[in-house]
PDB file of N, CA and C in Angstrom:
ATOM      1  N   UNK A   1     124.269 118.316 181.511  1.00  0.00           N
ATOM      2  CA  UNK A   1     125.281 118.330 180.643  1.00  0.00           C
ATOM      3  C   UNK A   1     125.080 117.341 179.306  1.00  0.00           C
ATOM      4  N   UNK A   2     125.319 115.879 179.980  1.00  0.00           N
ATOM      5  CA  UNK A   2     125.329 114.968 178.105  1.00  0.00           C
ATOM      6  C   UNK A   2     124.695 113.610 179.147  1.00  0.00           C
ATOM      7  N   UNK A   3     125.131 112.441 178.305  1.00  0.00           N
ATOM      8  CA  UNK A   3     125.051 111.361 178.276  1.00  0.00           C
ATOM      9  C   UNK A   3     125.763 110.814 178.233  1.00  0.00           C
ATOM     10  N   UNK A   4     125.838 109.344 178.234  1.00  0.00           N
ATOM     11  CA  UNK A   4     127.282 108.608 178.577  1.00  0.00           C
ATOM     12  C   UNK A   4     127.387 107.748 177.157  1.00  0.00           C
ATOM     13  N   UNK A   5     128.958 107.721 176.650  1.00  0.00           N
ATOM     14  CA  UNK A   5     128.861 106.585 175.630  1.00  0.00           C
ATOM     15  C   UNK A   5     129.670 105.250 176.150  1.00  0.00           C
ATOM     16  N   UNK A   6     129.015 104.366 175.473  1.00  0.00           N
ATOM     17  CA  UNK A   6     128.919 103.017 176.691  1.00  0.00           C
ATOM     18  C   UNK A   6     129.993 101.987 175.520  1.00  0.00           C
ATOM     19  N   UNK A   7     131.132 101.854 175.300  1.00  0.00           N
ATOM     20  CA  UNK A   7     131.307 100.810 174.395  1.00  0.00           C
ATOM     21  C   UNK A   7     132.473  99.359 174.568  1.00  0.00           C
ATOM     22  N   UNK A   8     132.108  98.489 174.676  1.00  0.00           N
ATOM     23  CA  UNK A   8     133.122  96.967 175.094  1.00  0.00           C
ATOM     24  C   UNK A   8     133.460  96.883 173.501  1.00  0.00           C
ATOM     25  N   UNK A   9     134.175  96.489 173.551  1.00  0.00           N
ATOM     26  CA  UNK A   9     135.509  96.016 172.363  1.00  0.00           C
ATOM     27  C   UNK A   9     136.779  95.405 172.993  1.00  0.00           C
ATOM     28  N   UNK A  10     136.731  94.294 172.192  1.00  0.00           N
ATOM     29  CA  UNK A  10     137.478  93.155 172.247  1.00  0.00           C
ATOM     30  C   UNK A  10     138.410  92.875 171.365  1.00  0.00           C
ATOM     31  N   UNK A  11     139.918  93.288 171.739  1.00  0.00           N
ATOM     32  CA  UNK A  11     141.113  93.425 170.850  1.00  0.00           C
ATOM     33  C   UNK A  11     141.752  91.748 171.288  1.00  0.00           C
ATOM     34  N   UNK A  12     142.057  91.349 169.876  1.00  0.00           N
ATOM     35  CA  UNK A  12     143.168  90.199 169.660  1.00  0.00           C
ATOM     36  C   UNK A  12     144.929  90.729 170.419  1.00  0.00           C
ATOM     37  N   UNK A  13     145.185  91.214 171.472  1.00  0.00           N
ATOM     38  CA  UNK A  13     146.139  91.311 171.986  1.00  0.00           C
ATOM     39  C   UNK A  13     146.431  91.608 173.632  1.00  0.00           C
ATOM     40  N   UNK A  14     147.401  91.540 174.513  1.00  0.00           N
ATOM     41  CA  UNK A  14     147.273  91.250 175.642  1.00  0.00           C
ATOM     42  C   UNK A  14     146.827  93.383 176.251  1.00  0.00           C
ATOM     43  N   UNK A  15     146.897  92.809 177.815  1.00  0.00           N
ATOM     44  CA  UNK A  15     146.357  94.258 178.102  1.00  0.00           C
ATOM     45  C   UNK A  15     147.251  95.025 177.896  1.00  0.00           C
ATOM     46  N   UNK A  16     148.907  94.442 177.861  1.00  0.00           N
ATOM     47  CA  UNK A  16     149.905  95.459 177.859  1.00  0.00           C
ATOM     48  C   UNK A  16     149.934  95.916 176.746  1.00  0.00           C
ATOM     49  N   UNK A  17     149.942  95.044 175.224  1.00  0.00           N
ATOM     50  CA  UNK A  17     149.891  95.791 174.058  1.00  0.00           C
ATOM     51  C   UNK A  17     148.582  96.448 173.658  1.00  0.00           C
ATOM     52  N   UNK A  18     147.549  96.415 174.496  1.00  0.00           N
ATOM     53  CA  UNK A  18     146.298  97.600 174.456  1.00  0.00           C
ATOM     54  C   UNK A  18     146.590  98.686 175.216  1.00  0.00           C
ATOM     55  N   UNK A  19     147.217  98.882 176.113  1.00  0.00           N
ATOM     56  CA  UNK A  19     147.571 100.004 177.112  1.00  0.00           C
ATOM     57  C   UNK A  19     148.765 100.927 176.366  1.00  0.00           C
ATOM     58  N   UNK A  20     149.480 100.017 175.985  1.00  0.00           N
ATOM     59  CA  UNK A  20     150.780 100.648 175.304  1.00  0.00           C
ATOM     60  C   UNK A  20     150.460 101.309 173.812  1.00  0.00           C
ATOM     61  N   UNK A  21     149.268 100.565 172.776  1.00  0.00           N
ATOM     62  CA  UNK A  21     148.647 101.623 172.181  1.00  0.00           C
ATOM     63  C   UNK A  21     147.840 102.614 172.404  1.00  0.00           C
ATOM     64  N   UNK A  22     147.450 102.740 173.599  1.00  0.00           N
ATOM     65  CA  UNK A  22     146.628 104.254 173.627  1.00  0.00           C
ATOM     66  C   UNK A  22     147.473 105.330 174.670  1.00  0.00           C
ATOM     67  N   UNK A  23     149.006 104.565 175.578  1.00  0.00           N
ATOM     68  CA  UNK A  23     149.192 105.545 175.946  1.00  0.00           C
ATOM     69  C   UNK A  23     150.945 105.779 175.765  1.00  0.00           C
ATOM     70  N   UNK A  24     151.505 104.928 174.571  1.00  0.00           N
ATOM     71  CA  UNK A  24     152.644 105.323 174.380  1.00  0.00           C
ATOM     72  C   UNK A  24     152.487 106.414 173.097  1.00  0.00           C
ATOM     73  N   UNK A  25     153.270 107.267 172.966  1.00  0.00           N
ATOM     74  CA  UNK A  25     152.839 108.836 172.212  1.00  0.00           C
ATOM     75  C   UNK A  25     153.201 107.793 170.759  1.00  0.00           C
ATOM     76  N   UNK A  26     154.679 107.300 170.922  1.00  0.00           N
ATOM     77  CA  UNK A  26     155.209 106.721 169.562  1.00  0.00           C
ATOM     78  C   UNK A  26     153.994 106.053 168.638  1.00  0.00           C
ATOM     79  N   UNK A  27     153.620 104.847 169.534  1.00  0.00           N
ATOM     80  CA  UNK A  27     152.583 103.832 169.429  1.00  0.00           C
ATOM     81  C   UNK A  27     151.355 104.691 168.751  1.00  0.00           C
ATOM     82  N   UNK A  28     151.073 105.639 169.561  1.00  0.00           N
ATOM     83  CA  UNK A  28     149.511 106.023 169.525  1.00  0.00           C
ATOM     84  C   UNK A  28     149.633 106.995 168.076  1.00  0.00           C
ATOM     85  N   UNK A  29     150.744 107.322 168.031  1.00  0.00           N
ATOM     86  CA  UNK A  29     150.715 108.415 166.653  1.00  0.00           C
ATOM     87  C   UNK A  29     150.789 107.299 165.308  1.00  0.00           C
ATOM     88  N   UNK A  30     151.388 106.065 165.238  1.00  0.00           N
ATOM     89  CA  UNK A  30     151.467 104.962 164.356  1.00  0.00           C
ATOM     90  C   UNK A  30     150.373 104.755 164.371  1.00  0.00           C
ATOM     91  N   UNK A  31     149.241 104.260 165.233  1.00  0.00           N
ATOM     92  CA  UNK A  31     148.290 103.935 165.257  1.00  0.00           C
ATOM     93  C   UNK A  31     147.253 105.236 164.533  1.00  0.00           C
ATOM     94  N   UNK A  32     147.484 106.314 164.802  1.00  0.00           N
ATOM     95  CA  UNK A  32     146.599 107.170 163.952  1.00  0.00           C
ATOM     96  C   UNK A  32     146.845 108.044 162.661  1.00  0.00           C
ATOM     97  N   UNK A  33     147.647 107.264 161.913  1.00  0.00           N
ATOM     98  CA  UNK A  33     148.540 107.443 160.852  1.00  0.00           C
ATOM     99  C   UNK A  33     149.680 108.348 161.005  1.00  0.00           C
ATOM    100  N   UNK A  34     150.295 108.773 161.733  1.00  0.00           N
ATOM    101  CA  UNK A  34     151.253 109.476 161.980  1.00  0.00           C
ATOM    102  C   UNK A  34     150.776 110.968 162.631  1.00  0.00           C
ATOM    103  N   UNK A  35     149.107 111.224 163.211  1.00  0.00           N
ATOM    104  CA  UNK A  35     149.187 112.503 163.647  1.00  0.00           C
ATOM    105  C   UNK A  35     149.835 112.784 164.779  1.00  0.00           C
ATOM    106  N   UNK A  36     150.296 114.045 165.046  1.00  0.00           N
ATOM    107  CA  UNK A  36     150.764 114.759 166.271  1.00  0.00           C
ATOM    108  C   UNK A  36     150.924 114.328 167.399  1.00  0.00           C
ATOM    109  N   UNK A  37     151.565 113.438 168.227  1.00  0.00           N
ATOM    110  CA  UNK A  37     150.893 112.948 169.639  1.00  0.00           C
ATOM    111  C   UNK A  37     152.035 113.285 170.831  1.00  0.00           C
ATOM    112  N   UNK A  38     151.744 113.753 171.847  1.00  0.00           N
ATOM    113  CA  UNK A  38     152.153 113.751 172.894  1.00  0.00           C
ATOM    114  C   UNK A  38     151.332 113.231 174.460  1.00  0.00           C
ATOM    115  N   UNK A  39     152.486 112.219 174.810  1.00  0.00           N
ATOM    116  CA  UNK A  39     151.325 111.959 176.032  1.00  0.00           C
ATOM    117  C   UNK A  39     152.315 111.471 177.287  1.00  0.00           C
ATOM    118  N   UNK A  40     152.405 112.455 178.507  1.00  0.00           N
ATOM    119  CA  UNK A  40     153.105 112.184 179.537  1.00  0.00           C
ATOM    120  C   UNK A  40     151.958 111.372 179.978  1.00  0.00           C
ATOM    121  N   UNK A  41     152.656 109.684 180.464  1.00  0.00           N
ATOM    122  CA  UNK A  41     151.850 109.004 180.953  1.00  0.00           C
ATOM    123  C   UNK A  41     152.391 108.317 182.390  1.00  0.00           C
ATOM    124  N   UNK A  42     151.656 109.781 182.801  1.00  0.00           N
ATOM    125  CA  UNK A  42     151.778 109.547 184.674  1.00  0.00           C
ATOM    126  C   UNK A  42     150.395 109.848 184.570  1.00  0.00           C
ATOM    127  N   UNK A  43     150.363 110.230 186.093  1.00  0.00           N
ATOM    128  CA  UNK A  43     148.771 110.599 186.291  1.00  0.00           C
ATOM    129  C   UNK A  43     149.116 112.178 186.995  1.00  0.00           C
ATOM    130  N   UNK A  44     148.474 112.611 186.316  1.00  0.00           N
ATOM    131  CA  UNK A  44     148.582 114.144 186.374  1.00  0.00           C
ATOM    132  C   UNK A  44     149.393 114.938 185.176  1.00  0.00           C
ATOM    133  N   UNK A  45     149.831 113.952 184.284  1.00  0.00           N
ATOM    134  CA  UNK A  45     150.471 113.967 182.812  1.00  0.00           C
ATOM    135  C   UNK A  45     149.518 114.373 181.753  1.00  0.00           C
ATOM    136  N   UNK A  46     150.123 115.595 180.987  1.00  0.00           N
ATOM    137  CA  UNK A  46     149.259 115.859 179.658  1.00  0.00           C
ATOM    138  C   UNK A  46     149.605 115.306 178.741  1.00  0.00           C
ATOM    139  N   UNK A  47     148.158 115.397 177.857  1.00  0.00           N
ATOM    140  CA  UNK A  47     148.156 114.793 176.328  1.00  0.00           C
ATOM    141  C   UNK A  47     147.508 115.191 175.735  1.00  0.00           C
ATOM    142  N   UNK A  48     147.919 115.558 174.041  1.00  0.00           N
ATOM    143  CA  UNK A  48     147.369 116.244 173.088  1.00  0.00           C
ATOM    144  C   UNK A  48     147.634 115.256 172.102  1.00  0.00           C
ATOM    145  N   UNK A  49     146.284 114.910 171.149  1.00  0.00           N
ATOM    146  CA  UNK A  49     146.181 113.863 170.310  1.00  0.00           C
ATOM    147  C   UNK A  49     145.988 114.722 169.041  1.00  0.00           C
ATOM    148  N   UNK A  50     146.128 114.063 168.144  1.00  0.00           N
ATOM    149  CA  UNK A  50     145.437 114.238 166.417  1.00  0.00           C
ATOM    150  C   UNK A  50     146.386 115.707 166.453  1.00  0.00           C
ATOM    151  N   UNK A  51     147.166 116.094 166.779  1.00  0.00           N
ATOM    152  CA  UNK A  51     147.743 117.614 166.353  1.00  0.00           C
ATOM    153  C   UNK A  51     146.945 118.687 167.640  1.00  0.00           C
ATOM    154  N   UNK A  52     146.341 118.326 168.513  1.00  0.00           N
ATOM    155  CA  UNK A  52     145.971 118.794 169.530  1.00  0.00           C
ATOM    156  C   UNK A  52     144.856 119.242 169.253  1.00  0.00           C
ATOM    157  N   UNK A  53     144.127 118.350 168.240  1.00  0.00           N
ATOM    158  CA  UNK A  53     142.251 118.490 168.523  1.00  0.00           C
ATOM    159  C   UNK A  53     141.900 118.127 169.353  1.00  0.00           C
ATOM    160  N   UNK A  54     142.057 117.047 170.227  1.00  0.00           N
ATOM    161  CA  UNK A  54     141.986 115.984 171.647  1.00  0.00           C
ATOM    162  C   UNK A  54     143.212 116.553 172.377  1.00  0.00           C
ATOM    163  N   UNK A  55     142.869 117.276 173.810  1.00  0.00           N
ATOM    164  CA  UNK A  55     143.947 117.550 174.602  1.00  0.00           C
ATOM    165  C   UNK A  55     143.148 116.816 175.961  1.00  0.00           C
ATOM    166  N   UNK A  56     144.269 116.722 177.174  1.00  0.00           N
ATOM    167  CA  UNK A  56     143.708 116.523 178.555  1.00  0.00           C
ATOM    168  C   UNK A  56     144.811 116.401 179.731  1.00  0.00           C
ATOM    169  N   UNK A  57     144.435 115.669 180.387  1.00  0.00           N
ATOM    170  CA  UNK A  57     145.188 115.489 181.945  1.00  0.00           C
ATOM    171  C   UNK A  57     144.773 113.832 182.008  1.00  0.00           C
ATOM    172  N   UNK A  58     146.159 113.033 182.420  1.00  0.00           N
ATOM    173  CA  UNK A  58     145.681 111.718 183.046  1.00  0.00           C
ATOM    174  C   UNK A  58     145.306 111.754 184.257  1.00  0.00           C
ATOM    175  N   UNK A  59     143.772 111.550 184.867  1.00  0.00           N
ATOM    176  CA  UNK A  59     143.369 111.393 186.197  1.00  0.00           C
ATOM    177  C   UNK A  59     144.433 110.166 187.083  1.00  0.00           C
ATOM    178  N   UNK A  60     144.097 109.282 186.246  1.00  0.00           N
ATOM    179  CA  UNK A  60     144.130 107.941 186.862  1.00  0.00           C
ATOM    180  C   UNK A  60     144.958 106.681 185.636  1.00  0.00           C
ATOM    181  N   UNK A  61     146.077 106.336 186.399  1.00  0.00           N
ATOM    182  CA  UNK A  61     147.025 105.568 185.251  1.00  0.00           C
ATOM    183  C   UNK A  61     146.939 104.013 186.248  1.00  0.00           C
ATOM    184  N   UNK A  62     146.336 102.843 185.521  1.00  0.00           N
ATOM    185  CA  UNK A  62     147.163 101.578 186.681  1.00  0.00           C
ATOM    186  C   UNK A  62     147.344 100.377 185.015  1.00  0.00           C
ATOM    187  N   UNK A  63     148.821 100.917 184.844  1.00  0.00           N
ATOM    188  CA  UNK A  63     149.170 100.289 183.654  1.00  0.00           C
ATOM    189  C   UNK A  63     148.768  99.022 183.299  1.00  0.00           C
ATOM    190  N   UNK A  64     148.478  98.621 182.288  1.00  0.00           N
ATOM    191  CA  UNK A  64     147.700  97.648 181.626  1.00  0.00           C
ATOM    192  C   UNK A  64     146.397  97.250 182.220  1.00  0.00           C
ATOM    193  N   UNK A  65     145.579  97.867 183.282  1.00  0.00           N
ATOM    194  CA  UNK A  65     144.480  97.779 183.696  1.00  0.00           C
ATOM    195  C   UNK A  65     143.107  98.688 183.396  1.00  0.00           C
ATOM    196  N   UNK A  66     143.800 100.305 183.408  1.00  0.00           N
ATOM    197  CA  UNK A  66     142.821 101.647 183.576  1.00  0.00           C
ATOM    198  C   UNK A  66     143.573 102.673 183.011  1.00  0.00           C
ATOM    199  N   UNK A  67     142.683 103.071 182.459  1.00  0.00           N
ATOM    200  CA  UNK A  67     143.106 104.840 182.311  1.00  0.00           C
ATOM    201  C   UNK A  67     141.810 105.754 182.327  1.00  0.00           C
ATOM    202  N   UNK A  68     142.195 106.552 183.243  1.00  0.00           N
ATOM    203  CA  UNK A  68     140.619 107.626 183.346  1.00  0.00           C
ATOM    204  C   UNK A  68     141.821 109.025 182.996  1.00  0.00           C
ATOM    205  N   UNK A  69     140.916 109.980 182.326  1.00  0.00           N
ATOM    206  CA  UNK A  69     141.222 111.237 181.377  1.00  0.00           C
ATOM    207  C   UNK A  69     140.367 111.925 181.548  1.00  0.00           C
ATOM    208  N   UNK A  70     140.927 113.139 182.296  1.00  0.00           N
ATOM    209  CA  UNK A  70     140.020 114.719 181.636  1.00  0.00           C
ATOM    210  C   UNK A  70     140.536 114.825 179.921  1.00  0.00           C
ATOM    211  N   UNK A  71     139.244 115.060 179.671  1.00  0.00           N
ATOM    212  CA  UNK A  71     139.110 114.387 177.769  1.00  0.00           C
ATOM    213  C   UNK A  71     138.498 116.099 177.078  1.00  0.00           C
ATOM    214  N   UNK A  72     139.592 116.275 176.352  1.00  0.00           N
ATOM    215  CA  UNK A  72     138.565 117.583 175.870  1.00  0.00           C
ATOM    216  C   UNK A  72     138.672 117.666 174.422  1.00  0.00           C
ATOM    217  N   UNK A  73     137.581 117.906 173.225  1.00  0.00           N
ATOM    218  CA  UNK A  73     137.780 118.752 171.705  1.00  0.00           C
ATOM    219  C   UNK A  73     138.135 119.972 172.209  1.00  0.00           C
ATOM    220  N   UNK A  74     139.178 120.197 170.788  1.00  0.00           N
ATOM    221  CA  UNK A  74     140.097 121.692 170.764  1.00  0.00           C
ATOM    222  C   UNK A  74     138.659 122.939 170.505  1.00  0.00           C
ATOM    223  N   UNK A  75     137.030 122.191 169.703  1.00  0.00           N
ATOM    224  CA  UNK A  75     135.899 123.357 169.809  1.00  0.00           C
ATOM    225  C   UNK A  75     135.050 123.405 170.748  1.00  0.00           C
ATOM    226  N   UNK A  76     135.480 123.454 171.845  1.00  0.00           N
ATOM    227  CA  UNK A  76     134.692 123.100 173.399  1.00  0.00           C
ATOM    228  C   UNK A  76     134.967 124.628 173.902  1.00  0.00           C
ATOM    229  N   UNK A  77     134.051 124.811 174.592  1.00  0.00           N
ATOM    230  CA  UNK A  77     134.268 125.762 175.359  1.00  0.00           C
ATOM    231  C   UNK A  77     135.489 125.900 176.073  1.00  0.00           C
ATOM    232  N   UNK A  78     136.282 126.746 176.493  1.00  0.00           N
ATOM    233  CA  UNK A  78     137.073 126.845 177.268  1.00  0.00           C
ATOM    234  C   UNK A  78     137.103 126.873 178.964  1.00  0.00           C
ATOM    235  N   UNK A  79     137.475 125.655 179.071  1.00  0.00           N
ATOM    236  CA  UNK A  79     137.788 124.973 180.477  1.00  0.00           C
ATOM    237  C   UNK A  79     136.341 124.098 180.737  1.00  0.00           C
ATOM    238  N   UNK A  80     136.217 123.348 179.704  1.00  0.00           N
ATOM    239  CA  UNK A  80     135.160 122.308 179.818  1.00  0.00           C
ATOM    240  C   UNK A  80     135.656 121.181 179.936  1.00  0.00           C
ATOM    241  N   UNK A  81     135.963 120.139 180.196  1.00  0.00           N
ATOM    242  CA  UNK A  81     136.260 118.463 179.898  1.00  0.00           C
ATOM    243  C   UNK A  81     135.402 117.574 180.826  1.00  0.00           C
ATOM    244  N   UNK A  82     135.590 116.675 179.677  1.00  0.00           N
ATOM    245  CA  UNK A  82     135.064 115.267 180.108  1.00  0.00           C
ATOM    246  C   UNK A  82     135.484 114.584 180.773  1.00  0.00           C
ATOM    247  N   UNK A  83     135.398 113.074 181.113  1.00  0.00           N
ATOM    248  CA  UNK A  83     135.932 112.123 181.819  1.00  0.00           C
ATOM    249  C   UNK A  83     135.795 110.743 180.665  1.00  0.00           C
ATOM    250  N   UNK A  84     136.951 110.353 180.644  1.00  0.00           N
ATOM    251  CA  UNK A  84     137.032 109.107 179.771  1.00  0.00           C
ATOM    252  C   UNK A  84     137.869 108.269 180.364  1.00  0.00           C
ATOM    253  N   UNK A  85     136.933 106.648 180.617  1.00  0.00           N
ATOM    254  CA  UNK A  85     137.718 106.070 181.273  1.00  0.00           C
ATOM    255  C   UNK A  85     137.463 104.845 180.760  1.00  0.00           C
ATOM    256  N   UNK A  86     138.995 103.920 180.631  1.00  0.00           N
ATOM    257  CA  UNK A  86     139.630 102.540 179.972  1.00  0.00           C
ATOM    258  C   UNK A  86     139.348 101.370 181.191  1.00  0.00           C
ATOM    259  N   UNK A  87     138.382 100.573 181.171  1.00  0.00           N
ATOM    260  CA  UNK A  87     138.909  99.629 181.741  1.00  0.00           C
ATOM    261  C   UNK A  87     139.785  98.537 181.047  1.00  0.00           C
ATOM    262  N   UNK A  88     140.530  97.427 181.321  1.00  0.00           N
ATOM    263  CA  UNK A  88     141.259  96.611 180.264  1.00  0.00           C
ATOM    264  C   UNK A  88     141.409  95.672 181.090  1.00  0.00           C
ATOM    265  N   UNK A  89     140.577  94.522 180.323  1.00  0.00           N
ATOM    266  CA  UNK A  89     140.700  93.083 180.908  1.00  0.00           C
ATOM    267  C   UNK A  89     140.785  92.460 180.588  1.00  0.00           C
ATOM    268  N   UNK A  90     141.674  91.275 180.944  1.00  0.00           N
ATOM    269  CA  UNK A  90     142.150  89.900 180.350  1.00  0.00           C
ATOM    270  C   UNK A  90     140.835  89.131 180.042  1.00  0.00           C
ATOM    271  N   UNK A  91     140.611  88.759 179.268  1.00  0.00           N
ATOM    272  CA  UNK A  91     139.666  87.518 178.470  1.00  0.00           C
ATOM    273  C   UNK A  91     140.527  86.477 177.473  1.00  0.00           C
ATOM    274  N   UNK A  92     141.222  85.298 178.311  1.00  0.00           N
ATOM    275  CA  UNK A  92     142.171  84.359 177.510  1.00  0.00           C
ATOM    276  C   UNK A  92     143.473  85.500 176.865  1.00  0.00           C
ATOM    277  N   UNK A  93     143.449  85.468 175.722  1.00  0.00           N
ATOM    278  CA  UNK A  93     144.545  85.849 174.643  1.00  0.00           C
ATOM    279  C   UNK A  93     143.791  87.266 174.293  1.00  0.00           C
ATOM    280  N   UNK A  94     142.898  87.561 174.704  1.00  0.00           N
ATOM    281  CA  UNK A  94     142.664  88.717 174.157  1.00  0.00           C
ATOM    282  C   UNK A  94     142.181  90.043 175.393  1.00  0.00           C
ATOM    283  N   UNK A  95     141.568  90.920 175.130  1.00  0.00           N
ATOM    284  CA  UNK A  95     141.755  92.099 176.056  1.00  0.00           C
ATOM    285  C   UNK A  95     140.146  92.785 175.723  1.00  0.00           C
ATOM    286  N   UNK A  96     139.309  92.704 176.566  1.00  0.00           N
ATOM    287  CA  UNK A  96     137.999  93.655 176.916  1.00  0.00           C
ATOM    288  C   UNK A  96     138.331  94.911 177.457  1.00  0.00           C
ATOM    289  N   UNK A  97     138.413  96.016 176.354  1.00  0.00           N
ATOM    290  CA  UNK A  97     138.046  97.183 176.656  1.00  0.00           C
ATOM    291  C   UNK A  97     136.537  97.468 177.384  1.00  0.00           C
ATOM    292  N   UNK A  98     136.498  98.130 178.471  1.00  0.00           N
ATOM    293  CA  UNK A  98     135.497  98.575 178.501  1.00  0.00           C
ATOM    294  C   UNK A  98     135.688  99.986 179.133  1.00  0.00           C
ATOM    295  N   UNK A  99     134.853 100.747 177.965  1.00  0.00           N
ATOM    296  CA  UNK A  99     135.146 102.207 177.648  1.00  0.00           C
ATOM    297  C   UNK A  99     134.012 103.251 177.944  1.00  0.00           C
ATOM    298  N   UNK A 100     134.154 103.952 179.030  1.00  0.00           N
ATOM    299  CA  UNK A 100     132.793 105.115 179.319  1.00  0.00           C
ATOM    300  C   UNK A 100     133.288 106.275 179.108  1.00  0.00           C
ATOM    301  N   UNK A 101     132.831 107.293 178.508  1.00  0.00           N
ATOM    302  CA  UNK A 101     133.231 108.759 178.141  1.00  0.00           C
ATOM    303  C   UNK A 101     131.811 109.401 178.804  1.00  0.00           C
ATOM    304  N   UNK A 102     131.839 110.196 179.664  1.00  0.00           N
ATOM    305  CA  UNK A 102     130.739 111.155 180.748  1.00  0.00           C
ATOM    306  C   UNK A 102     131.007 112.824 180.446  1.00  0.00           C
ATOM    307  N   UNK A 103     130.118 113.725 180.373  1.00  0.00           N
ATOM    308  CA  UNK A 103     130.465 114.927 180.852  1.00  0.00           C
ATOM    309  C   UNK A 103     130.615 115.326 179.737  1.00  0.00           C
ATOM    310  N   UNK A 104     130.372 115.063 178.628  1.00  0.00           N
ATOM    311  CA  UNK A 104     130.581 115.839 177.115  1.00  0.00           C
ATOM    312  C   UNK A 104     129.336 117.063 176.827  1.00  0.00           C
ATOM    313  N   UNK A 105     129.668 117.860 176.288  1.00  0.00           N
ATOM    314  CA  UNK A 105     128.940 118.826 176.226  1.00  0.00           C
ATOM    315  C   UNK A 105     127.259 118.544 174.898  1.00  0.00           C
ATOM    316  N   UNK A 106     126.309 118.925 175.871  1.00  0.00           N
ATOM    317  CA  UNK A 106     125.029 118.549 174.822  1.00  0.00           C
ATOM    318  C   UNK A 106     125.077 118.268 173.276  1.00  0.00           C
ATOM    319  N   UNK A 107     124.815 117.114 172.666  1.00  0.00           N
ATOM    320  CA  UNK A 107     124.577 117.059 171.409  1.00  0.00           C
ATOM    321  C   UNK A 107     125.905 116.764 171.096  1.00  0.00           C
ATOM    322  N   UNK A 108     126.676 116.539 171.670  1.00  0.00           N
ATOM    323  CA  UNK A 108     127.867 116.046 170.973  1.00  0.00           C
ATOM    324  C   UNK A 108     128.161 114.484 171.347  1.00  0.00           C
ATOM    325  N   UNK A 109     126.940 113.655 171.223  1.00  0.00           N
ATOM    326  CA  UNK A 109     127.010 112.548 171.957  1.00  0.00           C
ATOM    327  C   UNK A 109     127.064 111.282 170.555  1.00  0.00           C
ATOM    328  N   UNK A 110     126.699 111.593 169.660  1.00  0.00           N
ATOM    329  CA  UNK A 110     126.490 110.897 168.561  1.00  0.00           C
ATOM    330  C   UNK A 110     128.076 110.874 167.818  1.00  0.00           C
ATOM    331  N   UNK A 111     128.934 112.445 167.471  1.00  0.00           N
ATOM    332  CA  UNK A 111     129.680 112.598 167.204  1.00  0.00           C
ATOM    333  C   UNK A 111     130.440 112.097 167.679  1.00  0.00           C
ATOM    334  N   UNK A 112     130.281 112.450 169.183  1.00  0.00           N
ATOM    335  CA  UNK A 112     132.028 111.596 169.788  1.00  0.00           C
ATOM    336  C   UNK A 112     132.024 110.026 169.790  1.00  0.00           C
ATOM    337  N   UNK A 113     130.609 109.423 169.993  1.00  0.00           N
ATOM    338  CA  UNK A 113     130.805 107.856 169.945  1.00  0.00           C
ATOM    339  C   UNK A 113     131.027 107.764 168.647  1.00  0.00           C
ATOM    340  N   UNK A 114     131.005 108.088 167.248  1.00  0.00           N
ATOM    341  CA  UNK A 114     131.374 107.576 165.790  1.00  0.00           C
ATOM    342  C   UNK A 114     132.819 108.130 165.962  1.00  0.00           C
ATOM    343  N   UNK A 115     133.225 109.399 166.515  1.00  0.00           N
ATOM    344  CA  UNK A 115     134.998 109.831 166.669  1.00  0.00           C
ATOM    345  C   UNK A 115     135.479 108.470 167.339  1.00  0.00           C
ATOM    346  N   UNK A 116     134.596 107.970 168.467  1.00  0.00           N
ATOM    347  CA  UNK A 116     135.414 106.791 169.310  1.00  0.00           C
ATOM    348  C   UNK A 116     136.262 105.502 168.555  1.00  0.00           C
ATOM    349  N   UNK A 117     134.668 105.065 167.242  1.00  0.00           N
ATOM    350  CA  UNK A 117     135.140 104.209 166.616  1.00  0.00           C
ATOM    351  C   UNK A 117     136.135 104.220 165.336  1.00  0.00           C
ATOM    352  N   UNK A 118     135.576 105.326 164.671  1.00  0.00           N
ATOM    353  CA  UNK A 118     136.439 105.964 163.475  1.00  0.00           C
ATOM    354  C   UNK A 118     137.954 106.106 164.238  1.00  0.00           C
ATOM    355  N   UNK A 119     138.587 106.512 165.296  1.00  0.00           N
ATOM    356  CA  UNK A 119     139.658 107.091 165.663  1.00  0.00           C
ATOM    357  C   UNK A 119     140.165 106.278 166.346  1.00  0.00           C
ATOM    358  N   UNK A 120     139.827 105.892 167.054  1.00  0.00           N
ATOM    359  CA  UNK A 120     140.301 104.792 168.039  1.00  0.00           C
ATOM    360  C   UNK A 120     140.438 103.230 167.989  1.00  0.00           C
ATOM    361  N   UNK A 121     138.924 102.761 167.999  1.00  0.00           N
ATOM    362  CA  UNK A 121     139.170 101.683 168.246  1.00  0.00           C
ATOM    363  C   UNK A 121     139.061 100.873 166.911  1.00  0.00           C
ATOM    364  N   UNK A 122     138.850 101.092 165.801  1.00  0.00           N
ATOM    365  CA  UNK A 122     138.789 100.404 164.482  1.00  0.00           C
ATOM    366  C   UNK A 122     140.935 100.429 164.169  1.00  0.00           C
ATOM    367  N   UNK A 123     141.295 102.238 163.738  1.00  0.00           N
ATOM    368  CA  UNK A 123     142.888 102.035 164.347  1.00  0.00           C
ATOM    369  C   UNK A 123     143.455 101.239 165.060  1.00  0.00           C
ATOM    370  N   UNK A 124     143.396 101.227 166.247  1.00  0.00           N
ATOM    371  CA  UNK A 124     143.986 100.273 167.505  1.00  0.00           C
ATOM    372  C   UNK A 124     143.569  98.590 166.684  1.00  0.00           C
ATOM    373  N   UNK A 125     142.862  98.286 166.507  1.00  0.00           N
ATOM    374  CA  UNK A 125     142.547  97.220 165.763  1.00  0.00           C
ATOM    375  C   UNK A 125     143.099  96.152 164.855  1.00  0.00           C
ATOM    376  N   UNK A 126     143.332  97.415 164.038  1.00  0.00           N
ATOM    377  CA  UNK A 126     143.882  97.245 162.722  1.00  0.00           C
ATOM    378  C   UNK A 126     145.787  97.380 163.297  1.00  0.00           C
ATOM    379  N   UNK A 127     146.193  98.043 164.196  1.00  0.00           N
ATOM    380  CA  UNK A 127     147.765  97.980 164.576  1.00  0.00           C
ATOM    381  C   UNK A 127     147.937  96.946 165.365  1.00  0.00           C
ATOM    382  N   UNK A 128     146.974  96.624 165.878  1.00  0.00           N
ATOM    383  CA  UNK A 128     147.283  95.191 166.913  1.00  0.00           C
ATOM    384  C   UNK A 128     147.093  93.690 166.351  1.00  0.00           C
ATOM    385  N   UNK A 129     146.797  93.863 164.818  1.00  0.00           N
ATOM    386  CA  UNK A 129     146.634  92.806 164.255  1.00  0.00           C
ATOM    387  C   UNK A 129     147.769  92.374 163.416  1.00  0.00           C
TER     388      UNK A 129
END
């Protein structure tokens, strides 16, 4: 089906601040410039990001430590989901996010890797600074 996207990003913020930026609907909407966002921050809870361009369910949530999501883009074939995993590790005053995305459709890797940087990591870094 696909390759793996692996990113390691350091944010000058606590694990809680990073987790909340990813899992609190109001904060994520602010991070993304006001894009419509719905996040039910519990295991099994659905999310809709960027006005429905990205949807899925939270599979596992360990507050301030781990987020695992069944994640899909709106233009993928019906029923196709990938797995996005965020590990948050304390590093002094900073947080290392170890991110892995697997199971996405073939040929989507480069586009998705850029999308994670442009739509998640850069705006979150700006938001938290």
